[in-house]
Amino acid sequence: MSKSSVAVIDYGMGNLHSVASALEKVGDGVNVMVTDCPETILSADRVIFPGVGAIRDCMAELKFRGLDEVIQEVAAQKPLLGICLGMQALLETSEENGGVECLDVLPGAVKFFGSDLRDAAGGRLKVPHMGWNNVVQAIEHPLWAGIPDASRFYFVHSYYVDAPEFVAGSCDYGVQVHAALACDNVFAVQFHPEKSGDMGLRLLSNFLNWDRPAAFFPVTD
């Protein structure tokens, strides 16, 4: 492994212990730093932006701690992995809380599943989307290395990402959910890799070994 440090952004909203523990499990010798210090985040070789909860609170905490601009700077410079709410916050806007402006790192919007979500057979689907779902890979990417297509990952969310320009993977839950996005050195996932067993750990391991952007190609049959 050519790099040795990863910062997990702490803004008071995330499964930080679970993410840090998973990183320590797969990153032999990697320095895992859970921090809200801008200087520490900017000095790390890689950055993870996790999150759970409401997007309005997320954005308020980021701005209060001066981390909104830090994340935008990181996204332009080094490998960044957004997880769950962290993924949603990277987009332009969210419908949650009546509409919230997000970080505008990636083009796209976060939308509500709705109160009458149905599967293809007309059966009622519960919101939040909580549990395991298959993620179909849309592109070849270093973070998918060693992960079979349509592998199952663990989700917990009431709002879903609609960002068709940079889709790296999707799943079906009444609507097409853009479950993974990739653009240059940014990769973001709606699911929780730290709760997704061996495949989630493999994705985190791939992230720790990902040094720079590569050419990404659509997956073909």
Protein backbone atom coordinates (compact mmCIF):
# COMPACT_ATOMS: atom_id res chain seq x y z
CA MET A 1 0.00 0.00 0.00
CA SER A 2 1.56 3.25 -1.13
CA LYS A 3 -0.31 5.59 1.20
CA SER A 4 -0.60 5.39 4.96
CA SER A 5 -3.34 7.63 6.35
CA VAL A 6 -7.10 7.98 6.01
CA ALA A 7 -9.26 10.61 7.71
CA VAL A 8 -12.83 9.77 8.70
CA ILE A 9 -14.70 13.07 8.93
CA ASP A 10 -16.37 13.57 12.31
CA TYR A 11 -19.15 16.15 12.25
CA GLY A 12 -21.32 14.47 14.88
CA MET A 13 -23.43 12.43 12.42
CA GLY A 14 -22.11 9.03 11.43
CA ASN A 15 -21.25 5.47 12.43
CA LEU A 16 -17.70 6.56 13.00
CA HIS A 17 -16.64 3.68 15.25
CA SER A 18 -17.97 1.09 12.81
CA VAL A 19 -16.28 2.75 9.84
CA ALA A 20 -12.97 3.19 11.68
CA SER A 21 -13.03 -0.41 12.96
CA ALA A 22 -13.69 -1.75 9.45
CA LEU A 23 -10.82 0.33 8.05
CA GLU A 24 -8.45 -0.90 10.74
CA LYS A 25 -9.46 -4.47 9.94
CA VAL A 26 -8.61 -4.22 6.25
CA GLY A 27 -5.84 -1.60 6.34
CA ASP A 28 -2.79 -3.21 7.88
CA GLY A 29 -0.54 -0.39 9.07
CA VAL A 30 -2.88 2.38 7.89
CA ASN A 31 -3.28 5.33 10.25
CA VAL A 32 -7.05 5.80 10.70
CA MET A 33 -7.90 9.26 12.03
CA VAL A 34 -11.45 10.14 13.14
CA THR A 35 -11.36 13.92 13.14
CA ASP A 36 -13.10 17.23 12.52
CA CYS A 37 -9.82 19.12 12.21
CA PRO A 38 -9.53 20.71 8.75
CA GLU A 39 -5.74 20.56 8.76
CA THR A 40 -5.74 16.85 9.66
CA ILE A 41 -8.33 16.04 7.00
CA LEU A 42 -6.44 17.96 4.33
CA SER A 43 -3.16 16.27 5.26
CA ALA A 44 -4.55 12.72 5.01
CA ASP A 45 -3.85 10.60 1.95
CA ARG A 46 -7.51 9.60 1.66
CA VAL A 47 -10.74 10.83 3.20
CA ILE A 48 -14.02 9.13 4.09
CA PHE A 49 -17.18 11.21 4.51
CA PRO A 50 -19.79 9.06 6.34
CA GLY A 51 -23.14 10.06 7.74
CA VAL A 52 -26.56 9.14 9.06
CA GLY A 53 -29.53 11.37 9.91
CA ALA A 54 -31.11 14.45 8.37
CA ILE A 55 -29.46 16.41 5.58
CA ARG A 56 -30.35 19.83 7.04
CA ASP A 57 -28.56 18.95 10.27
CA CYS A 58 -25.67 17.54 8.26
CA MET A 59 -25.17 20.72 6.26
CA ALA A 60 -25.57 22.91 9.35
CA GLU A 61 -22.87 20.95 11.20
CA LEU A 62 -20.50 21.00 8.24
CA LYS A 63 -20.83 24.76 7.87
CA PHE A 64 -20.56 25.37 11.63
CA ARG A 65 -17.28 23.40 11.75
CA GLY A 66 -15.97 24.87 8.50
CA LEU A 67 -15.94 21.44 6.87
CA ASP A 68 -18.09 22.22 3.84
CA GLU A 69 -15.24 23.96 2.04
CA VAL A 70 -12.78 21.35 3.32
CA ILE A 71 -14.78 18.54 1.69
CA GLN A 72 -15.00 20.49 -1.57
CA GLU A 73 -11.23 20.96 -1.48
CA VAL A 74 -10.62 17.28 -0.73
CA ALA A 75 -12.89 16.28 -3.61
CA ALA A 76 -10.64 18.21 -6.00
CA GLN A 77 -7.39 16.76 -4.69
CA LYS A 78 -7.42 13.22 -3.33
CA PRO A 79 -9.46 10.00 -3.05
CA LEU A 80 -12.76 10.69 -1.29
CA LEU A 81 -15.37 8.09 -0.35
CA GLY A 82 -18.87 9.29 0.60
CA ILE A 83 -21.07 6.90 2.56
CA CYS A 84 -24.90 7.09 2.92
CA LEU A 85 -25.74 10.64 4.06
CA GLY A 86 -22.20 11.59 3.09
CA MET A 87 -22.98 10.54 -0.46
CA GLN A 88 -26.22 12.54 -0.51
CA ALA A 89 -24.50 15.65 0.84
CA LEU A 90 -22.08 15.61 -2.10
CA LEU A 91 -24.93 16.32 -4.54
CA GLU A 92 -26.53 19.62 -5.48
CA THR A 93 -29.85 19.48 -3.61
CA SER A 94 -32.06 17.27 -1.45
CA GLU A 95 -35.85 17.19 -1.18
CA GLU A 96 -35.55 16.40 2.52
CA ASN A 97 -36.80 19.03 5.00
CA GLY A 98 -38.57 20.90 2.20
CA GLY A 99 -35.41 21.34 0.15
CA VAL A 100 -31.78 21.73 1.18
CA GLU A 101 -28.78 23.00 -0.77
CA CYS A 102 -25.94 20.50 -0.55
CA LEU A 103 -22.21 20.63 -1.34
CA ASP A 104 -22.54 20.59 -5.14
CA VAL A 105 -19.51 18.34 -5.61
CA LEU A 106 -21.45 16.02 -7.94
CA PRO A 107 -24.42 16.85 -10.18
CA GLY A 108 -27.70 15.31 -9.11
CA ALA A 109 -30.48 15.43 -6.55
CA VAL A 110 -31.74 13.48 -3.56
CA LYS A 111 -35.41 12.52 -3.74
CA PHE A 112 -38.01 11.06 -1.38
CA PHE A 113 -39.17 7.51 -2.04
CA GLY A 114 -42.76 8.61 -1.48
CA SER A 115 -45.53 7.39 0.77
CA ASP A 116 -46.90 4.79 -1.64
CA LEU A 117 -43.83 2.97 -2.93
CA ARG A 118 -44.57 -0.25 -4.85
CA ASP A 119 -42.52 -3.08 -6.34
CA ALA A 120 -42.94 -4.35 -9.90
CA ALA A 121 -45.78 -6.65 -8.83
CA GLY A 122 -47.65 -3.84 -7.07
CA GLY A 123 -46.68 -4.87 -3.57
CA ARG A 124 -46.16 -2.17 -0.98
CA LEU A 125 -42.56 -1.36 -0.09
CA LYS A 126 -41.58 0.00 3.31
CA VAL A 127 -39.82 3.31 3.72
CA PRO A 128 -37.08 3.57 4.86
CA HIS A 129 -35.39 1.12 2.51
CA MET A 130 -33.67 -0.95 5.18
CA GLY A 131 -31.80 -4.19 4.60
CA TRP A 132 -29.82 -6.00 1.92
CA ASN A 133 -30.13 -5.28 -1.79
CA ASN A 134 -28.23 -6.24 -4.94
CA VAL A 135 -26.07 -3.55 -6.52
CA VAL A 136 -25.62 -3.86 -10.29
CA GLN A 137 -22.33 -2.36 -11.42
CA ALA A 138 -22.59 0.17 -14.24
CA ILE A 139 -18.87 0.73 -14.86
CA GLU A 140 -15.57 -0.98 -14.29
CA HIS A 141 -13.85 0.77 -11.42
CA PRO A 142 -10.95 0.03 -9.04
CA LEU A 143 -13.34 0.04 -6.07
CA TRP A 144 -15.33 -2.82 -7.63
CA ALA A 145 -12.20 -5.00 -7.93
CA GLY A 146 -12.88 -8.50 -6.62
CA ILE A 147 -16.57 -7.73 -5.99
CA PRO A 148 -18.93 -9.79 -8.19
CA ASP A 149 -21.62 -7.89 -10.05
CA ALA A 150 -24.99 -7.77 -8.24
CA SER A 151 -23.36 -8.37 -4.85
CA ARG A 152 -25.53 -7.54 -1.86
CA PHE A 153 -24.92 -4.52 0.37
CA TYR A 154 -26.72 -3.15 3.41
CA PHE A 155 -28.93 -0.04 3.06
CA VAL A 156 -30.75 2.27 5.48
CA HIS A 157 -32.32 5.35 3.87
CA SER A 158 -35.62 7.12 3.18
CA TYR A 159 -34.31 9.31 0.37
CA TYR A 160 -32.55 8.11 -2.76
CA VAL A 161 -29.99 9.56 -5.14
CA ASP A 162 -30.91 10.50 -8.71
CA ALA A 163 -27.61 11.42 -10.40
CA PRO A 164 -27.49 9.73 -13.81
CA GLU A 165 -24.34 11.42 -15.08
CA PHE A 166 -21.85 9.47 -12.94
CA VAL A 167 -23.57 6.20 -12.00
CA ALA A 168 -21.19 3.45 -10.91
CA GLY A 169 -23.86 1.09 -9.58
CA SER A 170 -27.60 0.91 -9.01
CA CYS A 171 -30.25 -1.13 -7.25
CA ASP A 172 -34.01 -1.44 -7.51
CA TYR A 173 -36.39 -0.47 -4.72
CA GLY A 174 -39.58 0.59 -6.43
CA VAL A 175 -37.48 3.10 -8.35
CA GLN A 176 -33.96 2.88 -9.69
CA VAL A 177 -31.63 3.93 -6.90
CA HIS A 178 -28.22 5.22 -7.94
CA ALA A 179 -26.39 3.29 -5.25
CA ALA A 180 -22.85 4.27 -6.26
CA LEU A 181 -21.38 7.27 -8.07
CA ALA A 182 -17.88 7.79 -9.46
CA CYS A 183 -16.22 10.93 -10.82
CA ASP A 184 -12.45 11.38 -10.97
CA ASN A 185 -11.13 10.78 -7.44
CA VAL A 186 -14.60 10.76 -5.81
CA PHE A 187 -16.55 7.54 -5.16
CA ALA A 188 -19.79 7.59 -3.18
CA VAL A 189 -22.16 4.85 -2.05
CA GLN A 190 -25.67 4.90 -0.61
CA PHE A 191 -25.14 1.62 1.24
CA HIS A 192 -23.00 1.04 4.33
CA PRO A 193 -19.85 -0.91 3.40
CA GLU A 194 -18.91 -1.17 7.07
CA LYS A 195 -22.12 -3.16 7.65
CA SER A 196 -22.02 -5.16 4.41
CA GLY A 197 -19.89 -8.15 5.32
CA ASP A 198 -17.04 -9.36 3.15
CA MET A 199 -18.04 -7.35 0.07
CA GLY A 200 -18.22 -4.14 2.05
CA LEU A 201 -14.81 -4.81 3.57
CA ARG A 202 -13.43 -5.51 0.11
CA LEU A 203 -14.72 -2.15 -1.13
CA LEU A 204 -13.05 -0.37 1.80
CA SER A 205 -9.83 -2.26 1.15
CA ASN A 206 -10.00 -1.25 -2.50
CA PHE A 207 -10.43 2.36 -1.45
CA LEU A 208 -7.32 2.21 0.74
CA ASN A 209 -5.37 0.95 -2.27
CA TRP A 210 -6.81 3.44 -4.77
CA ASP A 211 -4.21 6.05 -5.63
CA ARG A 212 -5.56 8.06 -8.54
CA PRO A 213 -8.35 8.25 -11.11
CA ALA A 214 -8.43 5.77 -13.94
CA ALA A 215 -10.44 5.47 -17.11
CA PHE A 216 -13.86 4.06 -16.22
CA PHE A 217 -15.77 2.03 -18.77
CA PRO A 218 -19.39 0.84 -18.87
CA VAL A 219 -19.82 -2.79 -17.88
CA THR A 220 -20.68 -4.90 -20.92
CA ASP A 221 -22.13 -8.40 -21.19
